[in-house]
C-alpha atoms as a PDB file:
ATOM      1  CA  MET A   1      69.087 -69.175  85.143  1.00  0.00           C
ATOM      2  CA  SER A   2      69.404 -72.262  82.942  1.00  0.00           C
ATOM      3  CA  ALA A   3      72.628 -73.259  81.243  1.00  0.00           C
ATOM      4  CA  LEU A   4      73.068 -72.443  77.563  1.00  0.00           C
ATOM      5  CA  THR A   5      71.553 -75.312  75.593  1.00  0.00           C
ATOM      6  CA  HIS A   6      73.349 -74.905  72.265  1.00  0.00           C
ATOM      7  CA  PHE A   7      76.701 -76.144  73.626  1.00  0.00           C
ATOM      8  CA  ASP A   8      77.667 -79.703  74.485  1.00  0.00           C
ATOM      9  CA  ALA A   9      79.781 -80.817  77.487  1.00  0.00           C
ATOM     10  CA  GLN A  10      82.966 -79.973  75.547  1.00  0.00           C
ATOM     11  CA  GLY A  11      81.748 -76.459  74.710  1.00  0.00           C
ATOM     12  CA  GLN A  12      81.070 -77.238  71.053  1.00  0.00           C
ATOM     13  CA  ALA A  13      78.015 -75.721  69.361  1.00  0.00           C
ATOM     14  CA  HIS A  14      75.286 -78.224  68.513  1.00  0.00           C
ATOM     15  CA  MET A  15      71.637 -78.352  67.564  1.00  0.00           C
ATOM     16  CA  VAL A  16      69.545 -79.177  70.631  1.00  0.00           C
ATOM     17  CA  ASP A  17      67.957 -82.644  70.556  1.00  0.00           C
ATOM     18  CA  VAL A  18      64.204 -82.128  70.959  1.00  0.00           C
ATOM     19  CA  ALA A  19      63.146 -85.695  70.095  1.00  0.00           C
ATOM     20  CA  ALA A  20      62.029 -86.547  73.646  1.00  0.00           C
ATOM     21  CA  LYS A  21      59.881 -83.422  74.019  1.00  0.00           C
ATOM     22  CA  PRO A  22      56.117 -83.685  73.613  1.00  0.00           C
ATOM     23  CA  ALA A  23      54.463 -81.850  70.730  1.00  0.00           C
ATOM     24  CA  THR A  24      52.471 -78.966  72.188  1.00  0.00           C
ATOM     25  CA  HIS A  25      50.740 -75.867  70.850  1.00  0.00           C
ATOM     26  CA  ARG A  26      53.338 -73.120  70.887  1.00  0.00           C
ATOM     27  CA  ILE A  27      52.887 -69.428  70.230  1.00  0.00           C
ATOM     28  CA  ALA A  28      55.221 -66.430  70.321  1.00  0.00           C
ATOM     29  CA  LEU A  29      54.644 -62.716  69.853  1.00  0.00           C
ATOM     30  CA  ALA A  30      57.500 -60.363  69.016  1.00  0.00           C
ATOM     31  CA  THR A  31      57.579 -56.650  68.323  1.00  0.00           C
ATOM     32  CA  GLY A  32      59.832 -53.900  67.027  1.00  0.00           C
ATOM     33  CA  ARG A  33      59.566 -50.529  65.363  1.00  0.00           C
ATOM     34  CA  ILE A  34      61.156 -48.517  62.605  1.00  0.00           C
ATOM     35  CA  GLU A  35      61.554 -44.777  63.129  1.00  0.00           C
ATOM     36  CA  MET A  36      61.406 -42.398  60.195  1.00  0.00           C
ATOM     37  CA  LEU A  37      60.726 -38.860  59.080  1.00  0.00           C
ATOM     38  CA  PRO A  38      57.090 -37.722  59.276  1.00  0.00           C
ATOM     39  CA  THR A  39      57.096 -37.297  55.500  1.00  0.00           C
ATOM     40  CA  THR A  40      58.133 -40.924  55.041  1.00  0.00           C
ATOM     41  CA  LEU A  41      55.331 -42.142  57.313  1.00  0.00           C
ATOM     42  CA  ALA A  42      52.846 -39.978  55.399  1.00  0.00           C
ATOM     43  CA  LEU A  43      54.052 -41.463  52.107  1.00  0.00           C
ATOM     44  CA  ILE A  44      53.562 -45.014  53.433  1.00  0.00           C
ATOM     45  CA  GLU A  45      50.133 -44.245  54.912  1.00  0.00           C
ATOM     46  CA  ALA A  46      48.966 -42.617  51.670  1.00  0.00           C
ATOM     47  CA  GLY A  47      50.099 -45.616  49.633  1.00  0.00           C
ATOM     48  CA  ASN A  48      52.182 -43.382  47.372  1.00  0.00           C
ATOM     49  CA  ALA A  49      55.574 -45.050  47.724  1.00  0.00           C
ATOM     50  CA  LYS A  50      57.311 -45.467  44.379  1.00  0.00           C
ATOM     51  CA  LYS A  51      57.860 -49.224  44.937  1.00  0.00           C
ATOM     52  CA  GLY A  52      54.211 -49.957  45.826  1.00  0.00           C
ATOM     53  CA  ASP A  53      52.238 -51.019  48.910  1.00  0.00           C
ATOM     54  CA  VAL A  54      54.991 -50.832  51.533  1.00  0.00           C
ATOM     55  CA  LEU A  55      53.110 -52.480  54.398  1.00  0.00           C
ATOM     56  CA  GLY A  56      51.536 -55.155  52.203  1.00  0.00           C
ATOM     57  CA  ILE A  57      54.910 -56.192  50.864  1.00  0.00           C
ATOM     58  CA  ALA A  58      56.509 -55.961  54.325  1.00  0.00           C
ATOM     59  CA  ARG A  59      53.762 -58.249  55.688  1.00  0.00           C
ATOM     60  CA  ILE A  60      54.529 -60.900  53.057  1.00  0.00           C
ATOM     61  CA  ALA A  61      58.268 -60.503  53.708  1.00  0.00           C
ATOM     62  CA  GLY A  62      57.728 -61.006  57.449  1.00  0.00           C
ATOM     63  CA  ILE A  63      55.737 -64.183  56.832  1.00  0.00           C
ATOM     64  CA  GLN A  64      58.456 -65.450  54.509  1.00  0.00           C
ATOM     65  CA  GLY A  65      61.107 -64.552  57.102  1.00  0.00           C
ATOM     66  CA  ALA A  66      59.340 -66.620  59.761  1.00  0.00           C
ATOM     67  CA  LYS A  67      59.172 -69.582  57.394  1.00  0.00           C
ATOM     68  CA  LYS A  68      62.896 -69.292  56.522  1.00  0.00           C
ATOM     69  CA  THR A  69      64.264 -68.802  60.049  1.00  0.00           C
ATOM     70  CA  SER A  70      66.077 -72.146  60.165  1.00  0.00           C
ATOM     71  CA  ASP A  71      67.844 -71.195  56.906  1.00  0.00           C
ATOM     72  CA  LEU A  72      69.170 -68.018  58.549  1.00  0.00           C
ATOM     73  CA  ILE A  73      69.888 -68.995  62.161  1.00  0.00           C
ATOM     74  CA  PRO A  74      72.265 -71.983  62.089  1.00  0.00           C
ATOM     75  CA  LEU A  75      71.003 -73.922  65.130  1.00  0.00           C
ATOM     76  CA  CYS A  76      67.253 -73.339  64.720  1.00  0.00           C
ATOM     77  CA  HIS A  77      65.096 -76.343  63.911  1.00  0.00           C
ATOM     78  CA  PRO A  78      63.010 -76.202  60.736  1.00  0.00           C
ATOM     79  CA  LEU A  79      59.392 -75.978  61.906  1.00  0.00           C
ATOM     80  CA  ALA A  80      56.009 -76.559  60.322  1.00  0.00           C
ATOM     81  CA  LEU A  81      54.351 -73.271  61.203  1.00  0.00           C
ATOM     82  CA  THR A  82      50.581 -73.296  61.536  1.00  0.00           C
ATOM     83  CA  ARG A  83      50.104 -69.514  61.630  1.00  0.00           C
ATOM     84  CA  VAL A  84      52.070 -66.332  60.998  1.00  0.00           C
ATOM     85  CA  ALA A  85      50.350 -62.960  61.400  1.00  0.00           C
ATOM     86  CA  ILE A  86      52.084 -59.619  60.904  1.00  0.00           C
ATOM     87  CA  ASP A  87      50.422 -56.420  62.144  1.00  0.00           C
ATOM     88  CA  PHE A  88      51.531 -52.807  61.753  1.00  0.00           C
ATOM     89  CA  ALA A  89      50.535 -49.670  63.652  1.00  0.00           C
ATOM     90  CA  PRO A  90      51.782 -46.070  63.744  1.00  0.00           C
ATOM     91  CA  ALA A  91      54.238 -45.654  66.618  1.00  0.00           C
ATOM     92  CA  SER A  92      55.908 -42.898  68.555  1.00  0.00           C
ATOM     93  CA  SER A  93      58.836 -43.350  70.896  1.00  0.00           C
ATOM     94  CA  GLN A  94      60.733 -41.770  73.729  1.00  0.00           C
ATOM     95  CA  HIS A  95      63.241 -40.302  71.262  1.00  0.00           C
ATOM     96  CA  ALA A  96      62.545 -36.598  70.832  1.00  0.00           C
ATOM     97  CA  GLY A  97      59.372 -36.736  68.792  1.00  0.00           C
ATOM     98  CA  ALA A  98      60.395 -39.781  66.760  1.00  0.00           C
ATOM     99  CA  ILE A  99      57.592 -41.452  64.845  1.00  0.00           C
ATOM    100  CA  GLY A 100      57.375 -44.565  62.781  1.00  0.00           C
ATOM    101  CA  ILE A 101      55.719 -47.939  62.443  1.00  0.00           C
ATOM    102  CA  ALA A 102      55.475 -50.721  65.019  1.00  0.00           C
ATOM    103  CA  CYS A 103      55.403 -54.321  63.820  1.00  0.00           C
ATOM    104  CA  THR A 104      54.035 -57.254  65.808  1.00  0.00           C
ATOM    105  CA  ALA A 105      54.450 -60.839  64.647  1.00  0.00           C
ATOM    106  CA  THR A 106      52.422 -63.740  66.019  1.00  0.00           C
ATOM    107  CA  VAL A 107      53.751 -67.185  65.141  1.00  0.00           C
ATOM    108  CA  GLU A 108      52.229 -70.561  66.042  1.00  0.00           C
ATOM    109  CA  THR A 109      52.978 -74.245  65.629  1.00  0.00           C
ATOM    110  CA  VAL A 110      52.186 -77.575  67.174  1.00  0.00           C
ATOM    111  CA  GLY A 111      55.620 -79.005  67.689  1.00  0.00           C
ATOM    112  CA  LEU A 112      58.604 -79.990  69.773  1.00  0.00           C
ATOM    113  CA  THR A 113      60.225 -76.569  70.143  1.00  0.00           C
ATOM    114  CA  GLY A 114      59.161 -72.944  70.426  1.00  0.00           C
ATOM    115  CA  VAL A 115      58.683 -70.258  67.795  1.00  0.00           C
ATOM    116  CA  GLU A 116      60.327 -67.249  69.431  1.00  0.00           C
ATOM    117  CA  MET A 117      63.088 -67.098  66.809  1.00  0.00           C
ATOM    118  CA  GLU A 118      60.516 -67.234  64.012  1.00  0.00           C
ATOM    119  CA  ALA A 119      58.572 -64.332  65.536  1.00  0.00           C
ATOM    120  CA  LEU A 120      61.736 -62.261  66.006  1.00  0.00           C
ATOM    121  CA  THR A 121      62.888 -63.003  62.460  1.00  0.00           C
ATOM    122  CA  ALA A 122      59.475 -62.073  61.066  1.00  0.00           C
ATOM    123  CA  VAL A 123      59.615 -58.666  62.772  1.00  0.00           C
ATOM    124  CA  GLN A 124      63.169 -57.954  61.617  1.00  0.00           C
ATOM    125  CA  VAL A 125      62.505 -58.958  58.007  1.00  0.00           C
ATOM    126  CA  ALA A 126      59.279 -56.931  57.870  1.00  0.00           C
ATOM    127  CA  LEU A 127      61.030 -53.836  59.254  1.00  0.00           C
ATOM    128  CA  LEU A 128      64.020 -54.295  56.946  1.00  0.00           C
ATOM    129  CA  THR A 129      61.614 -54.488  54.015  1.00  0.00           C
ATOM    130  CA  ILE A 130      60.080 -51.155  55.021  1.00  0.00           C
ATOM    131  CA  TYR A 131      63.594 -49.717  55.121  1.00  0.00           C
ATOM    132  CA  ASP A 132      64.424 -51.146  51.703  1.00  0.00           C
ATOM    133  CA  MET A 133      61.254 -49.822  50.123  1.00  0.00           C
ATOM    134  CA  CYS A 134      61.639 -46.315  51.582  1.00  0.00           C
ATOM    135  CA  LYS A 135      65.411 -45.761  51.677  1.00  0.00           C
ATOM    136  CA  ALA A 136      65.302 -43.592  48.560  1.00  0.00           C
ATOM    137  CA  VAL A 137      63.443 -40.906  50.539  1.00  0.00           C
ATOM    138  CA  ASP A 138      64.758 -41.544  54.083  1.00  0.00           C
ATOM    139  CA  ARG A 139      68.157 -43.175  54.641  1.00  0.00           C
ATOM    140  CA  GLY A 140      68.055 -42.140  58.315  1.00  0.00           C
ATOM    141  CA  MET A 141      65.393 -44.678  59.311  1.00  0.00           C
ATOM    142  CA  SER A 142      66.352 -46.834  62.288  1.00  0.00           C
ATOM    143  CA  ILE A 143      65.060 -50.075  63.775  1.00  0.00           C
ATOM    144  CA  HIS A 144      64.548 -50.304  67.546  1.00  0.00           C
ATOM    145  CA  GLY A 145      63.111 -52.371  70.347  1.00  0.00           C
ATOM    146  CA  VAL A 146      62.941 -55.793  68.693  1.00  0.00           C
ATOM    147  CA  ARG A 147      62.022 -58.278  71.422  1.00  0.00           C
ATOM    148  CA  VAL A 148      59.813 -61.159  72.432  1.00  0.00           C
ATOM    149  CA  LEU A 149      56.594 -59.984  74.078  1.00  0.00           C
ATOM    150  CA  GLU A 150      55.130 -63.392  74.894  1.00  0.00           C
ATOM    151  CA  LYS A 151      55.726 -67.098  74.440  1.00  0.00           C
ATOM    152  CA  HIS A 152      53.437 -69.932  75.469  1.00  0.00           C
ATOM    153  CA  GLY A 153      53.702 -73.716  75.363  1.00  0.00           C
ATOM    154  CA  GLY A 154      56.367 -76.259  76.046  1.00  0.00           C
ATOM    155  CA  LYS A 155      58.095 -77.373  79.223  1.00  0.00           C
ATOM    156  CA  SER A 156      59.186 -73.897  80.285  1.00  0.00           C
ATOM    157  CA  GLY A 157      55.594 -72.623  80.164  1.00  0.00           C
ATOM    158  CA  SER A 158      54.657 -69.032  79.487  1.00  0.00           C
ATOM    159  CA  PHE A 159      56.710 -65.863  79.367  1.00  0.00           C
ATOM    160  CA  VAL A 160      55.159 -62.415  79.216  1.00  0.00           C
ATOM    161  CA  ALA A 161      57.537 -59.439  78.997  1.00  0.00           C
ATOM    162  CA  GLY A 162      57.347 -57.222  82.037  1.00  0.00           C
ATOM    163  CA  ALA A 163      55.489 -59.821  84.112  1.00  0.00           C
ATOM    164  CA  GLY A 164      58.512 -60.578  86.294  1.00  0.00           C
ATOM    165  CA  ALA A 165      60.530 -63.785  86.414  1.00  0.00           C
END
């Protein structure tokens, strides 16, 4: 396993110098889900939530979250993103009959560093927005399984969750 890159030789936190890296096409996919009551999911699917189009607003929030990642995570580089896509799908889980919504974020750039943090932030912000918009009817919602599914580009090459290594 590689050493942690956000610490210098004296153990002080620092922003990684990426100036010598080549600009390459980089892509990351992240996922997560929010679990909720069946009635809450039905409300979202019917488009009858009091605050409006829950998934439409959550999609915009996720895109905005990806774009603002370096404002939220102290050592992330600000990146010129070339694409952010947020997709939602109904989801079930291993938890006794739990249902909800899965979110997948795809983030791309041509740059010096990867976009995994932007994809993870997009998922979290989108799921938090769903929570915010539906908390009046379901305060027991919970967010689970947020993780990177894939990353491609850069010196370290590709990573696909569950593919070993």
